[in-house]
Amino acid sequence: MQTLTLGPAGTYSHRAASAVADPESIEFSESVSAIVEAVADGDADRGVVPVENSIEGSVTEALDAFAEYEVAVLREVVTPIRHALLARDDSFGTVASHAQALAQCRSYLEDHYPDADLEAVASTARGVERAREEPSVAAIGHPANADDVLTALAEDIQDRTSNATRFLVVGPIEERSDAGGKTSIIVYPNRDYPGLLLELLEPFAEQDINLTRVESRPSGERLGDYVFHVDVAAGLYEDRTAAALETVEEIAREGWVRRLGSYDTETVVD
């Protein structure tokens, strides 16, 4: 079963995918939206994409892809993020990594390398590749990327030890499950009036369902028009979830409600 995730090899996405899929089945893309599109089109069996970091927040590319392409969320993987500074030696002038990793290590870099140029690249692994190729470049990535070329000059350099990233495993829409402790939905009301968001969220409170995430993203249709991404601590199989969604679908009758599916969470520590 082919599993597509962010590459090249050695990214945190690769580590998350390796925890839930046969390592031999993993292939790489450098675009989250391309991963979701490939699964939706049947060109990949599974996709593993980052959706949220505990420090930097949501990965908006993933949210927008879920609104554009129809896929099912099958599983959630949470992995603690351990960043190391990787370089040939300490004579580098540039630190290259994914923008999220650079932001997650902002305080460390400002304190220890205030004059270094920060360069955002497609992934942490791409930064590691650059550091291997260019002596003047250091990278931020998992300490396991250290080898006979790169040394881990410092480990656990993330600003907070609680740093963790949430990944979702996605599959074809026909594999959507109603079973699981969490559910993700997307709501596009296609209308706007005072109290609309309150009306959309109240049904969950009335059914004693905890909201674990609520986020708005521009619909792309017109300025001020939004799509709402909602995660709840309840499964689609539950009567209370069905009752809440029935009300939400009535409120959003001029737009649409997409049920991405119910799933369980696994925490992977390495």
Protein backbone atom coordinates (compact mmCIF):
# COMPACT_ATOMS: atom_id res chain seq x y z
CA MET A 1 0.00 0.00 0.00
CA GLN A 2 1.63 3.21 -1.19
CA THR A 3 1.95 5.97 1.41
CA LEU A 4 2.85 9.50 0.35
CA THR A 5 4.35 12.06 2.73
CA LEU A 6 6.57 15.14 2.77
CA GLY A 7 10.13 14.43 1.70
CA PRO A 8 12.90 13.92 1.13
CA ALA A 9 13.78 11.07 3.49
CA GLY A 10 14.50 12.19 7.03
CA THR A 11 11.70 14.71 7.53
CA TYR A 12 9.49 14.59 10.61
CA SER A 13 6.66 13.64 8.26
CA HIS A 14 8.77 10.68 7.13
CA ARG A 15 9.24 9.63 10.76
CA ALA A 16 5.50 9.88 11.39
CA ALA A 17 4.69 7.91 8.25
CA SER A 18 7.20 5.22 9.22
CA ALA A 19 5.28 4.71 12.47
CA VAL A 20 2.05 3.82 10.65
CA ALA A 21 3.15 2.36 7.31
CA ASP A 22 5.61 -0.12 5.86
CA PRO A 23 8.80 1.91 5.32
CA GLU A 24 9.23 0.29 1.91
CA SER A 25 5.85 1.67 0.80
CA ILE A 26 6.64 5.32 1.58
CA GLU A 27 7.14 7.78 -1.26
CA PHE A 28 7.77 11.50 -1.10
CA SER A 29 6.33 14.80 -2.23
CA GLU A 30 7.36 18.33 -1.37
CA SER A 31 3.77 19.66 -1.25
CA VAL A 32 1.07 18.92 1.30
CA SER A 33 -1.67 19.78 -1.18
CA ALA A 34 -0.13 17.45 -3.76
CA ILE A 35 -0.28 14.60 -1.22
CA VAL A 36 -3.96 15.19 -0.48
CA GLU A 37 -4.76 15.55 -4.19
CA ALA A 38 -2.95 12.28 -5.02
CA VAL A 39 -5.03 10.40 -2.43
CA ALA A 40 -8.26 12.00 -3.64
CA ASP A 41 -7.46 11.07 -7.26
CA GLY A 42 -6.50 7.49 -6.39
CA ASP A 43 -2.81 7.97 -7.23
CA ALA A 44 -1.78 7.11 -3.64
CA ASP A 45 -3.39 4.78 -1.11
CA ARG A 46 -2.50 6.85 1.93
CA GLY A 47 -1.14 10.27 2.75
CA VAL A 48 0.49 11.46 5.98
CA VAL A 49 0.39 15.24 6.36
CA PRO A 50 1.17 17.66 9.20
CA VAL A 51 -1.83 19.72 10.28
CA GLU A 52 -0.88 21.44 13.54
CA ASN A 53 2.14 22.27 15.68
CA SER A 54 1.86 23.08 19.36
CA ILE A 55 4.04 26.21 18.96
CA GLU A 56 3.37 27.55 15.47
CA GLY A 57 -0.24 26.46 15.08
CA SER A 58 -2.01 25.06 12.04
CA VAL A 59 -0.47 24.08 8.72
CA THR A 60 -2.80 26.14 6.54
CA GLU A 61 -1.82 24.35 3.32
CA ALA A 62 -3.24 21.14 4.77
CA LEU A 63 -6.49 22.79 5.86
CA ASP A 64 -7.00 24.35 2.44
CA ALA A 65 -6.29 21.02 0.74
CA PHE A 66 -8.91 19.26 2.87
CA ALA A 67 -11.46 21.87 1.76
CA GLU A 68 -10.50 21.47 -1.90
CA TYR A 69 -10.18 17.69 -2.21
CA GLU A 70 -12.41 14.98 -0.78
CA VAL A 71 -10.48 12.53 1.40
CA ALA A 72 -11.11 10.66 4.63
CA VAL A 73 -9.12 11.12 7.82
CA LEU A 74 -8.30 7.62 9.08
CA ARG A 75 -5.89 8.19 11.94
CA GLU A 76 -4.07 10.83 13.95
CA VAL A 77 -0.39 10.61 14.88
CA VAL A 78 1.15 13.00 17.38
CA THR A 79 4.93 13.10 17.54
CA PRO A 80 7.12 15.18 19.87
CA ILE A 81 9.51 17.37 17.91
CA ARG A 82 13.19 17.25 18.85
CA HIS A 83 15.31 19.74 16.95
CA ALA A 84 19.09 19.62 16.68
CA LEU A 85 21.51 22.06 15.10
CA LEU A 86 23.40 20.08 12.46
CA ALA A 87 26.56 21.30 10.73
CA ARG A 88 30.08 20.29 9.78
CA ASP A 89 31.40 22.72 12.39
CA ASP A 90 30.45 26.03 13.96
CA SER A 91 31.82 28.21 11.15
CA PHE A 92 28.52 28.37 9.25
CA GLY A 93 26.81 31.65 8.33
CA THR A 94 23.40 30.33 7.25
CA VAL A 95 20.84 28.12 8.97
CA ALA A 96 18.52 26.36 6.52
CA SER A 97 15.35 24.51 7.51
CA HIS A 98 11.60 24.47 7.10
CA ALA A 99 9.99 27.77 8.10
CA GLN A 100 8.16 26.08 10.97
CA ALA A 101 11.38 24.60 12.37
CA LEU A 102 13.14 27.96 12.18
CA ALA A 103 10.25 29.58 14.04
CA GLN A 104 10.19 26.83 16.67
CA CYS A 105 13.88 27.48 17.44
CA ARG A 106 13.71 31.27 17.23
CA SER A 107 14.91 32.00 20.78
CA TYR A 108 17.85 29.59 20.58
CA LEU A 109 19.03 31.04 17.27
CA GLU A 110 18.68 34.62 18.47
CA ASP A 111 20.65 33.85 21.64
CA HIS A 112 23.44 31.75 20.10
CA TYR A 113 23.66 32.75 16.43
CA PRO A 114 22.15 36.24 16.12
CA ASP A 115 24.16 37.05 12.98
CA ALA A 116 23.28 33.89 11.05
CA ASP A 117 21.09 34.20 7.97
CA LEU A 118 17.93 32.11 8.23
CA GLU A 119 16.85 30.39 5.04
CA ALA A 120 13.45 28.70 4.73
CA VAL A 121 13.47 25.58 2.54
CA ALA A 122 10.82 23.01 1.62
CA SER A 123 11.52 20.64 4.53
CA THR A 124 13.89 19.97 7.41
CA ALA A 125 15.43 17.16 5.36
CA ARG A 126 16.07 19.54 2.47
CA GLY A 127 17.95 21.78 4.91
CA VAL A 128 20.01 18.79 6.04
CA GLU A 129 20.88 18.06 2.41
CA ARG A 130 22.06 21.64 1.94
CA ALA A 131 24.20 21.43 5.08
CA ARG A 132 25.82 18.23 3.80
CA GLU A 133 26.62 19.92 0.48
CA GLU A 134 27.75 23.34 1.74
CA PRO A 135 30.12 23.83 4.69
CA SER A 136 28.77 27.36 5.23
CA VAL A 137 25.26 26.06 5.94
CA ALA A 138 23.83 24.52 9.11
CA ALA A 139 20.48 22.76 9.36
CA ILE A 140 17.77 22.19 11.94
CA GLY A 141 16.39 18.66 12.04
CA HIS A 142 16.03 15.50 14.06
CA PRO A 143 19.32 14.51 15.79
CA ALA A 144 19.21 11.14 13.99
CA ASN A 145 20.25 13.04 10.83
CA ALA A 146 23.77 13.45 12.25
CA ASP A 147 26.31 11.28 10.42
CA ASP A 148 29.96 11.20 9.39
CA VAL A 149 29.49 14.55 7.60
CA LEU A 150 27.20 16.46 9.96
CA THR A 151 27.59 16.80 13.71
CA ALA A 152 24.79 17.63 16.12
CA LEU A 153 26.27 20.80 17.61
CA ALA A 154 23.30 21.11 19.99
CA GLU A 155 20.19 19.03 20.67
CA ASP A 156 16.71 19.89 21.90
CA ILE A 157 17.03 23.49 20.73
CA GLN A 158 13.27 24.00 20.28
CA ASP A 159 11.91 26.90 22.33
CA ARG A 160 9.56 24.63 24.28
CA THR A 161 10.06 21.05 25.38
CA SER A 162 6.33 20.46 24.81
CA ASN A 163 6.83 21.00 21.07
CA ALA A 164 4.79 18.40 19.18
CA THR A 165 3.25 18.08 15.74
CA ARG A 166 -0.05 16.49 14.84
CA PHE A 167 -0.19 14.48 11.63
CA LEU A 168 -3.28 13.06 9.93
CA VAL A 169 -3.34 9.86 7.90
CA VAL A 170 -5.72 10.32 4.97
CA GLY A 171 -7.23 7.80 2.56
CA PRO A 172 -9.95 7.60 -0.10
CA ILE A 173 -13.32 9.04 0.87
CA GLU A 174 -14.97 5.61 0.64
CA GLU A 175 -12.80 4.45 3.56
CA ARG A 176 -14.20 7.08 5.91
CA SER A 177 -15.06 5.63 9.30
CA ASP A 178 -17.71 6.65 11.81
CA ALA A 179 -15.74 4.97 14.63
CA GLY A 180 -13.17 6.81 16.73
CA GLY A 181 -12.78 9.20 19.61
CA LYS A 182 -12.32 12.33 17.46
CA THR A 183 -14.04 13.70 14.38
CA SER A 184 -13.01 16.36 11.87
CA ILE A 185 -15.56 18.32 9.85
CA ILE A 186 -15.44 21.29 7.50
CA VAL A 187 -18.32 23.76 7.30
CA TYR A 188 -18.87 26.26 4.51
CA PRO A 189 -22.03 28.26 5.35
CA ASN A 190 -21.90 30.37 2.16
CA ARG A 191 -23.60 33.16 4.11
CA ASP A 192 -22.73 35.70 6.77
CA TYR A 193 -24.68 37.44 9.51
CA PRO A 194 -24.14 38.42 13.17
CA GLY A 195 -24.03 35.35 15.38
CA LEU A 196 -23.47 32.83 12.56
CA LEU A 197 -20.40 31.22 14.13
CA LEU A 198 -22.15 31.05 17.50
CA GLU A 199 -25.08 29.26 15.86
CA LEU A 200 -22.73 26.76 14.22
CA LEU A 201 -20.96 25.92 17.48
CA GLU A 202 -23.90 25.94 19.90
CA PRO A 203 -25.24 22.52 18.80
CA PHE A 204 -22.04 20.87 20.02
CA ALA A 205 -22.31 22.53 23.43
CA GLU A 206 -25.96 21.51 23.65
CA GLN A 207 -24.94 17.89 23.00
CA ASP A 208 -22.09 18.09 25.56
CA ILE A 209 -19.43 17.65 22.85
CA ASN A 210 -16.05 19.25 23.46
CA LEU A 211 -14.53 21.24 20.59
CA THR A 212 -10.81 20.48 20.34
CA ARG A 213 -10.10 22.91 17.48
CA VAL A 214 -11.97 25.61 15.57
CA GLU A 215 -10.29 27.53 12.78
CA SER A 216 -11.43 29.70 9.90
CA ARG A 217 -9.81 29.88 6.47
CA PRO A 218 -10.71 32.13 3.53
CA SER A 219 -13.00 30.33 1.11
CA GLY A 220 -11.37 31.95 -1.91
CA GLU A 221 -14.80 32.86 -3.23
CA ARG A 222 -14.90 36.46 -2.00
CA LEU A 223 -13.34 38.71 0.62
CA GLY A 224 -14.67 38.04 4.11
CA ASP A 225 -16.08 34.62 3.18
CA TYR A 226 -14.82 31.73 5.33
CA VAL A 227 -14.64 27.98 5.67
CA PHE A 228 -14.64 26.62 9.23
CA HIS A 229 -12.53 23.63 10.27
CA VAL A 230 -13.87 21.97 13.41
CA ASP A 231 -12.50 19.03 15.43
CA VAL A 232 -14.63 17.48 18.16
CA ALA A 233 -14.00 14.90 20.87
CA ALA A 234 -16.76 12.53 19.73
CA GLY A 235 -17.31 9.93 17.02
CA LEU A 236 -19.71 10.11 14.11
CA TYR A 237 -21.27 6.87 15.38
CA GLU A 238 -22.63 8.69 18.45
CA ASP A 239 -26.22 9.92 18.50
CA ARG A 240 -25.15 13.23 20.02
CA THR A 241 -22.77 13.89 17.12
CA ALA A 242 -25.47 13.05 14.59
CA ALA A 243 -27.88 15.43 16.34
CA ALA A 244 -25.36 18.28 16.42
CA LEU A 245 -24.44 17.83 12.75
CA GLU A 246 -28.07 17.74 11.69
CA THR A 247 -28.49 21.23 13.13
CA VAL A 248 -25.21 22.46 11.64
CA GLU A 249 -26.18 21.17 8.19
CA GLU A 250 -29.48 23.03 8.39
CA ILE A 251 -27.69 26.28 9.28
CA ALA A 252 -25.22 25.72 6.41
CA ARG A 253 -27.88 24.64 3.92
CA GLU A 254 -26.75 27.28 1.40
CA GLY A 255 -23.23 25.86 1.51
CA TRP A 256 -21.96 22.44 2.56
CA VAL A 257 -20.69 20.34 5.48
CA ARG A 258 -17.90 17.81 4.86
CA ARG A 259 -17.42 14.96 7.32
CA LEU A 260 -13.77 13.95 7.08
CA GLY A 261 -14.35 11.01 9.42
CA SER A 262 -13.75 9.73 12.92
CA TYR A 263 -10.43 8.36 14.10
CA ASP A 264 -8.24 7.60 17.10
CA THR A 265 -4.97 9.19 18.20
CA GLU A 266 -1.57 7.57 18.58
CA THR A 267 1.44 9.29 20.14
CA VAL A 268 4.80 8.25 18.69
CA VAL A 269 7.91 8.92 20.77
CA ASP A 270 11.38 8.26 19.36
